[in-house]
Amino acid sequence: MAELVMNLLVNKDMLTMIGMPDLMKQITEQFQDKSMEVKPFEQGGQVGFTVSRTINLCDIFHHNLKIHI
């Protein structure tokens, strides 16, 4: 077994500047659809999340963790 943990933090103004203020929400929903635990947070002018999932290394080639934006 292995624990996959990823953190992502993005400036809110940058998301607005590129015309995707809901991007973090979209990404979060896709991780949740892949049975991953998502903990969103906001820190100053930034938004982010921590994603985690326990993976059985014997089954790793049977999981598709692609995220589409």
PDB file of N, CA and C in Angstrom:
ATOM      1  N   MET A   1       0.849  -1.183   0.000  1.00  0.00           N
ATOM      2  CA  MET A   1       0.000   0.000   0.000  1.00  0.00           C
ATOM      3  C   MET A   1       0.891   1.241   0.000  1.00  0.00           C
ATOM      4  N   ALA A   2       0.362   2.291  -0.587  1.00  0.00           N
ATOM      5  CA  ALA A   2       1.079   3.565  -0.626  1.00  0.00           C
ATOM      6  C   ALA A   2       0.062   4.689  -0.451  1.00  0.00           C
ATOM      7  N   GLU A   3       0.511   5.777   0.122  1.00  0.00           N
ATOM      8  CA  GLU A   3      -0.348   6.942   0.310  1.00  0.00           C
ATOM      9  C   GLU A   3       0.099   8.017  -0.675  1.00  0.00           C
ATOM     10  N   LEU A   4      -0.824   8.415  -1.554  1.00  0.00           N
ATOM     11  CA  LEU A   4      -0.577   9.484  -2.519  1.00  0.00           C
ATOM     12  C   LEU A   4      -1.122  10.769  -1.911  1.00  0.00           C
ATOM     13  N   VAL A   5      -0.278  11.793  -1.783  1.00  0.00           N
ATOM     14  CA  VAL A   5      -0.701  13.082  -1.232  1.00  0.00           C
ATOM     15  C   VAL A   5      -0.170  14.181  -2.141  1.00  0.00           C
ATOM     16  N   MET A   6      -1.056  15.118  -2.505  1.00  0.00           N
ATOM     17  CA  MET A   6      -0.665  16.223  -3.379  1.00  0.00           C
ATOM     18  C   MET A   6      -1.288  17.512  -2.845  1.00  0.00           C
ATOM     19  N   ASN A   7      -0.509  18.573  -2.848  1.00  0.00           N
ATOM     20  CA  ASN A   7      -0.993  19.901  -2.458  1.00  0.00           C
ATOM     21  C   ASN A   7      -0.910  20.827  -3.659  1.00  0.00           C
ATOM     22  N   LEU A   8      -1.927  21.675  -3.811  1.00  0.00           N
ATOM     23  CA  LEU A   8      -1.932  22.669  -4.883  1.00  0.00           C
ATOM     24  C   LEU A   8      -2.441  23.972  -4.311  1.00  0.00           C
ATOM     25  N   LEU A   9      -1.726  25.053  -4.583  1.00  0.00           N
ATOM     26  CA  LEU A   9      -2.080  26.377  -4.085  1.00  0.00           C
ATOM     27  C   LEU A   9      -1.915  27.366  -5.239  1.00  0.00           C
ATOM     28  N   VAL A  10      -2.977  28.155  -5.500  1.00  0.00           N
ATOM     29  CA  VAL A  10      -2.981  29.077  -6.635  1.00  0.00           C
ATOM     30  C   VAL A  10      -3.509  30.442  -6.184  1.00  0.00           C
ATOM     31  N   ASN A  11      -2.957  31.483  -6.754  1.00  0.00           N
ATOM     32  CA  ASN A  11      -3.402  32.839  -6.479  1.00  0.00           C
ATOM     33  C   ASN A  11      -4.787  33.047  -7.090  1.00  0.00           C
ATOM     34  N   LYS A  12      -5.760  33.523  -6.285  1.00  0.00           N
ATOM     35  CA  LYS A  12      -7.132  33.738  -6.757  1.00  0.00           C
ATOM     36  C   LYS A  12      -7.184  34.742  -7.902  1.00  0.00           C
ATOM     37  N   ASP A  13      -6.364  35.787  -7.826  1.00  0.00           N
ATOM     38  CA  ASP A  13      -6.362  36.803  -8.882  1.00  0.00           C
ATOM     39  C   ASP A  13      -5.911  36.220 -10.220  1.00  0.00           C
ATOM     40  N   MET A  14      -4.978  35.285 -10.191  1.00  0.00           N
ATOM     41  CA  MET A  14      -4.506  34.657 -11.424  1.00  0.00           C
ATOM     42  C   MET A  14      -5.619  33.832 -12.073  1.00  0.00           C
ATOM     43  N   LEU A  15      -6.399  33.140 -11.261  1.00  0.00           N
ATOM     44  CA  LEU A  15      -7.519  32.359 -11.798  1.00  0.00           C
ATOM     45  C   LEU A  15      -8.532  33.274 -12.480  1.00  0.00           C
ATOM     46  N   THR A  16      -8.797  34.416 -11.866  1.00  0.00           N
ATOM     47  CA  THR A  16      -9.717  35.389 -12.460  1.00  0.00           C
ATOM     48  C   THR A  16      -9.119  35.968 -13.734  1.00  0.00           C
ATOM     49  N   MET A  17      -7.819  36.244 -13.716  1.00  0.00           N
ATOM     50  CA  MET A  17      -7.145  36.828 -14.870  1.00  0.00           C
ATOM     51  C   MET A  17      -7.212  35.911 -16.098  1.00  0.00           C
ATOM     52  N   ILE A  18      -7.129  34.621 -15.888  1.00  0.00           N
ATOM     53  CA  ILE A  18      -7.172  33.695 -17.018  1.00  0.00           C
ATOM     54  C   ILE A  18      -8.610  33.286 -17.357  1.00  0.00           C
ATOM     55  N   GLY A  19      -9.574  33.883 -16.656  1.00  0.00           N
ATOM     56  CA  GLY A  19     -10.985  33.636 -16.948  1.00  0.00           C
ATOM     57  C   GLY A  19     -11.509  32.310 -16.423  1.00  0.00           C
ATOM     58  N   MET A  20     -10.859  31.772 -15.384  1.00  0.00           N
ATOM     59  CA  MET A  20     -11.293  30.493 -14.820  1.00  0.00           C
ATOM     60  C   MET A  20     -11.368  30.571 -13.292  1.00  0.00           C
ATOM     61  N   PRO A  21     -12.227  31.448 -12.763  1.00  0.00           N
ATOM     62  CA  PRO A  21     -12.289  31.583 -11.303  1.00  0.00           C
ATOM     63  C   PRO A  21     -12.765  30.319 -10.589  1.00  0.00           C
ATOM     64  N   ASP A  22     -13.453  29.414 -11.289  1.00  0.00           N
ATOM     65  CA  ASP A  22     -13.947  28.179 -10.676  1.00  0.00           C
ATOM     66  C   ASP A  22     -13.062  26.973 -10.970  1.00  0.00           C
ATOM     67  N   LEU A  23     -11.867  27.197 -11.470  1.00  0.00           N
ATOM     68  CA  LEU A  23     -10.985  26.091 -11.852  1.00  0.00           C
ATOM     69  C   LEU A  23     -10.687  25.155 -10.688  1.00  0.00           C
ATOM     70  N   MET A  24     -10.384  25.690  -9.527  1.00  0.00           N
ATOM     71  CA  MET A  24     -10.052  24.844  -8.387  1.00  0.00           C
ATOM     72  C   MET A  24     -11.240  23.971  -7.994  1.00  0.00           C
ATOM     73  N   LYS A  25     -12.448  24.518  -8.069  1.00  0.00           N
ATOM     74  CA  LYS A  25     -13.646  23.735  -7.759  1.00  0.00           C
ATOM     75  C   LYS A  25     -13.803  22.601  -8.770  1.00  0.00           C
ATOM     76  N   GLN A  26     -13.569  22.886 -10.044  1.00  0.00           N
ATOM     77  CA  GLN A  26     -13.683  21.863 -11.088  1.00  0.00           C
ATOM     78  C   GLN A  26     -12.671  20.739 -10.858  1.00  0.00           C
ATOM     79  N   ILE A  27     -11.442  21.110 -10.545  1.00  0.00           N
ATOM     80  CA  ILE A  27     -10.402  20.105 -10.304  1.00  0.00           C
ATOM     81  C   ILE A  27     -10.750  19.281  -9.070  1.00  0.00           C
ATOM     82  N   THR A  28     -11.205  19.955  -8.016  1.00  0.00           N
ATOM     83  CA  THR A  28     -11.591  19.265  -6.782  1.00  0.00           C
ATOM     84  C   THR A  28     -12.673  18.225  -7.054  1.00  0.00           C
ATOM     85  N   GLU A  29     -13.687  18.590  -7.836  1.00  0.00           N
ATOM     86  CA  GLU A  29     -14.777  17.660  -8.148  1.00  0.00           C
ATOM     87  C   GLU A  29     -14.263  16.444  -8.916  1.00  0.00           C
ATOM     88  N   GLN A  30     -13.312  16.655  -9.812  1.00  0.00           N
ATOM     89  CA  GLN A  30     -12.772  15.532 -10.577  1.00  0.00           C
ATOM     90  C   GLN A  30     -11.989  14.581  -9.674  1.00  0.00           C
ATOM     91  N   PHE A  31     -11.229  15.114  -8.739  1.00  0.00           N
ATOM     92  CA  PHE A  31     -10.524  14.244  -7.792  1.00  0.00           C
ATOM     93  C   PHE A  31     -11.522  13.463  -6.943  1.00  0.00           C
ATOM     94  N   GLN A  32     -12.585  14.117  -6.497  1.00  0.00           N
ATOM     95  CA  GLN A  32     -13.598  13.434  -5.699  1.00  0.00           C
ATOM     96  C   GLN A  32     -14.265  12.317  -6.513  1.00  0.00           C
ATOM     97  N   ASP A  33     -14.487  12.561  -7.793  1.00  0.00           N
ATOM     98  CA  ASP A  33     -15.060  11.532  -8.669  1.00  0.00           C
ATOM     99  C   ASP A  33     -14.140  10.324  -8.800  1.00  0.00           C
ATOM    100  N   LYS A  34     -12.844  10.516  -8.552  1.00  0.00           N
ATOM    101  CA  LYS A  34     -11.862   9.435  -8.611  1.00  0.00           C
ATOM    102  C   LYS A  34     -11.635   8.803  -7.234  1.00  0.00           C
ATOM    103  N   SER A  35     -12.578   9.039  -6.320  1.00  0.00           N
ATOM    104  CA  SER A  35     -12.533   8.479  -4.954  1.00  0.00           C
ATOM    105  C   SER A  35     -11.318   8.951  -4.163  1.00  0.00           C
ATOM    106  N   MET A  36     -10.941  10.188  -4.365  1.00  0.00           N
ATOM    107  CA  MET A  36      -9.825  10.756  -3.617  1.00  0.00           C
ATOM    108  C   MET A  36     -10.380  11.704  -2.554  1.00  0.00           C
ATOM    109  N   GLU A  37      -9.709  11.762  -1.421  1.00  0.00           N
ATOM    110  CA  GLU A  37     -10.101  12.670  -0.349  1.00  0.00           C
ATOM    111  C   GLU A  37      -9.538  14.049  -0.671  1.00  0.00           C
ATOM    112  N   VAL A  38     -10.402  15.056  -0.669  1.00  0.00           N
ATOM    113  CA  VAL A  38      -9.991  16.420  -1.013  1.00  0.00           C
ATOM    114  C   VAL A  38     -10.311  17.347   0.149  1.00  0.00           C
ATOM    115  N   LYS A  39      -9.308  18.121   0.565  1.00  0.00           N
ATOM    116  CA  LYS A  39      -9.495  19.099   1.633  1.00  0.00           C
ATOM    117  C   LYS A  39      -9.159  20.483   1.074  1.00  0.00           C
ATOM    118  N   PRO A  40     -10.184  21.236   0.619  1.00  0.00           N
ATOM    119  CA  PRO A  40      -9.930  22.576   0.098  1.00  0.00           C
ATOM    120  C   PRO A  40      -9.590  23.547   1.231  1.00  0.00           C
ATOM    121  N   PHE A  41      -8.816  24.586   0.886  1.00  0.00           N
ATOM    122  CA  PHE A  41      -8.506  25.619   1.873  1.00  0.00           C
ATOM    123  C   PHE A  41      -8.238  26.942   1.175  1.00  0.00           C
ATOM    124  N   GLU A  42      -8.327  28.000   1.936  1.00  0.00           N
ATOM    125  CA  GLU A  42      -8.025  29.343   1.438  1.00  0.00           C
ATOM    126  C   GLU A  42      -7.029  29.962   2.394  1.00  0.00           C
ATOM    127  N   GLN A  43      -6.010  30.610   1.820  1.00  0.00           N
ATOM    128  CA  GLN A  43      -4.926  31.158   2.628  1.00  0.00           C
ATOM    129  C   GLN A  43      -4.534  32.502   2.026  1.00  0.00           C
ATOM    130  N   GLY A  44      -4.885  33.580   2.713  1.00  0.00           N
ATOM    131  CA  GLY A  44      -4.600  34.900   2.162  1.00  0.00           C
ATOM    132  C   GLY A  44      -5.360  35.097   0.868  1.00  0.00           C
ATOM    133  N   GLY A  45      -4.673  35.473  -0.194  1.00  0.00           N
ATOM    134  CA  GLY A  45      -5.298  35.650  -1.499  1.00  0.00           C
ATOM    135  C   GLY A  45      -5.174  34.419  -2.368  1.00  0.00           C
ATOM    136  N   GLN A  46      -4.957  33.271  -1.748  1.00  0.00           N
ATOM    137  CA  GLN A  46      -4.761  32.045  -2.512  1.00  0.00           C
ATOM    138  C   GLN A  46      -5.795  30.986  -2.125  1.00  0.00           C
ATOM    139  N   VAL A  47      -6.105  30.121  -3.082  1.00  0.00           N
ATOM    140  CA  VAL A  47      -6.977  28.979  -2.826  1.00  0.00           C
ATOM    141  C   VAL A  47      -6.204  27.719  -3.162  1.00  0.00           C
ATOM    142  N   GLY A  48      -6.547  26.652  -2.494  1.00  0.00           N
ATOM    143  CA  GLY A  48      -5.834  25.415  -2.763  1.00  0.00           C
ATOM    144  C   GLY A  48      -6.545  24.227  -2.185  1.00  0.00           C
ATOM    145  N   PHE A  49      -5.904  23.082  -2.295  1.00  0.00           N
ATOM    146  CA  PHE A  49      -6.438  21.866  -1.720  1.00  0.00           C
ATOM    147  C   PHE A  49      -5.328  20.860  -1.518  1.00  0.00           C
ATOM    148  N   THR A  50      -5.622  19.923  -0.641  1.00  0.00           N
ATOM    149  CA  THR A  50      -4.773  18.760  -0.429  1.00  0.00           C
ATOM    150  C   THR A  50      -5.595  17.555  -0.863  1.00  0.00           C
ATOM    151  N   VAL A  51      -4.998  16.714  -1.691  1.00  0.00           N
ATOM    152  CA  VAL A  51      -5.662  15.523  -2.206  1.00  0.00           C
ATOM    153  C   VAL A  51      -4.890  14.317  -1.701  1.00  0.00           C
ATOM    154  N   SER A  52      -5.608  13.293  -1.245  1.00  0.00           N
ATOM    155  CA  SER A  52      -4.921  12.081  -0.811  1.00  0.00           C
ATOM    156  C   SER A  52      -5.742  10.846  -1.164  1.00  0.00           C
ATOM    157  N   ARG A  53      -5.029   9.745  -1.265  1.00  0.00           N
ATOM    158  CA  ARG A  53      -5.668   8.465  -1.559  1.00  0.00           C
ATOM    159  C   ARG A  53      -4.679   7.359  -1.237  1.00  0.00           C
ATOM    160  N   THR A  54      -5.186   6.299  -0.645  1.00  0.00           N
ATOM    161  CA  THR A  54      -4.368   5.120  -0.408  1.00  0.00           C
ATOM    162  C   THR A  54      -4.486   4.228  -1.635  1.00  0.00           C
ATOM    163  N   ILE A  55      -3.348   3.786  -2.145  1.00  0.00           N
ATOM    164  CA  ILE A  55      -3.317   2.982  -3.361  1.00  0.00           C
ATOM    165  C   ILE A  55      -2.646   1.656  -3.073  1.00  0.00           C
ATOM    166  N   ASN A  56      -3.267   0.594  -3.523  1.00  0.00           N
ATOM    167  CA  ASN A  56      -2.663  -0.727  -3.460  1.00  0.00           C
ATOM    168  C   ASN A  56      -1.704  -0.825  -4.643  1.00  0.00           C
ATOM    169  N   LEU A  57      -0.418  -0.921  -4.373  1.00  0.00           N
ATOM    170  CA  LEU A  57       0.573  -0.916  -5.444  1.00  0.00           C
ATOM    171  C   LEU A  57       0.409  -2.085  -6.412  1.00  0.00           C
ATOM    172  N   CYS A  58      -0.202  -3.156  -5.972  1.00  0.00           N
ATOM    173  CA  CYS A  58      -0.453  -4.299  -6.864  1.00  0.00           C
ATOM    174  C   CYS A  58      -1.484  -3.950  -7.932  1.00  0.00           C
ATOM    175  N   ASP A  59      -2.355  -2.986  -7.630  1.00  0.00           N
ATOM    176  CA  ASP A  59      -3.421  -2.607  -8.551  1.00  0.00           C
ATOM    177  C   ASP A  59      -3.161  -1.295  -9.273  1.00  0.00           C
ATOM    178  N   ILE A  60      -1.985  -0.727  -9.146  1.00  0.00           N
ATOM    179  CA  ILE A  60      -1.725   0.626  -9.645  1.00  0.00           C
ATOM    180  C   ILE A  60      -1.971   0.771 -11.145  1.00  0.00           C
ATOM    181  N   PHE A  61      -1.766  -0.256 -11.917  1.00  0.00           N
ATOM    182  CA  PHE A  61      -1.948  -0.150 -13.359  1.00  0.00           C
ATOM    183  C   PHE A  61      -3.419  -0.235 -13.761  1.00  0.00           C
ATOM    184  N   HIS A  62      -4.302  -0.517 -12.807  1.00  0.00           N
ATOM    185  CA  HIS A  62      -5.722  -0.607 -13.098  1.00  0.00           C
ATOM    186  C   HIS A  62      -6.463   0.694 -12.773  1.00  0.00           C
ATOM    187  N   HIS A  63      -5.761   1.703 -12.251  1.00  0.00           N
ATOM    188  CA  HIS A  63      -6.379   2.970 -11.876  1.00  0.00           C
ATOM    189  C   HIS A  63      -6.071   4.016 -12.929  1.00  0.00           C
ATOM    190  N   ASN A  64      -7.100   4.748 -13.317  1.00  0.00           N
ATOM    191  CA  ASN A  64      -6.933   5.848 -14.248  1.00  0.00           C
ATOM    192  C   ASN A  64      -7.164   7.128 -13.455  1.00  0.00           C
ATOM    193  N   LEU A  65      -6.104   7.862 -13.191  1.00  0.00           N
ATOM    194  CA  LEU A  65      -6.210   9.072 -12.382  1.00  0.00           C
ATOM    195  C   LEU A  65      -6.108  10.336 -13.222  1.00  0.00           C
ATOM    196  N   LYS A  66      -6.398  10.243 -14.512  1.00  0.00           N
ATOM    197  CA  LYS A  66      -6.309  11.418 -15.382  1.00  0.00           C
ATOM    198  C   LYS A  66      -7.347  12.455 -14.976  1.00  0.00           C
ATOM    199  N   ILE A  67      -6.931  13.708 -15.008  1.00  0.00           N
ATOM    200  CA  ILE A  67      -7.802  14.825 -14.705  1.00  0.00           C
ATOM    201  C   ILE A  67      -7.947  15.655 -15.976  1.00  0.00           C
ATOM    202  N   HIS A  68      -9.172  15.938 -16.376  1.00  0.00           N
ATOM    203  CA  HIS A  68      -9.437  16.701 -17.597  1.00  0.00           C
ATOM    204  C   HIS A  68     -10.008  18.057 -17.235  1.00  0.00           C
ATOM    205  N   ILE A  69      -9.454  19.095 -17.824  1.00  0.00           N
ATOM    206  CA  ILE A  69      -9.922  20.454 -17.572  1.00  0.00           C
ATOM    207  C   ILE A  69     -10.528  21.002 -18.850  1.00  0.00           C
TER     208      ILE A  69
END
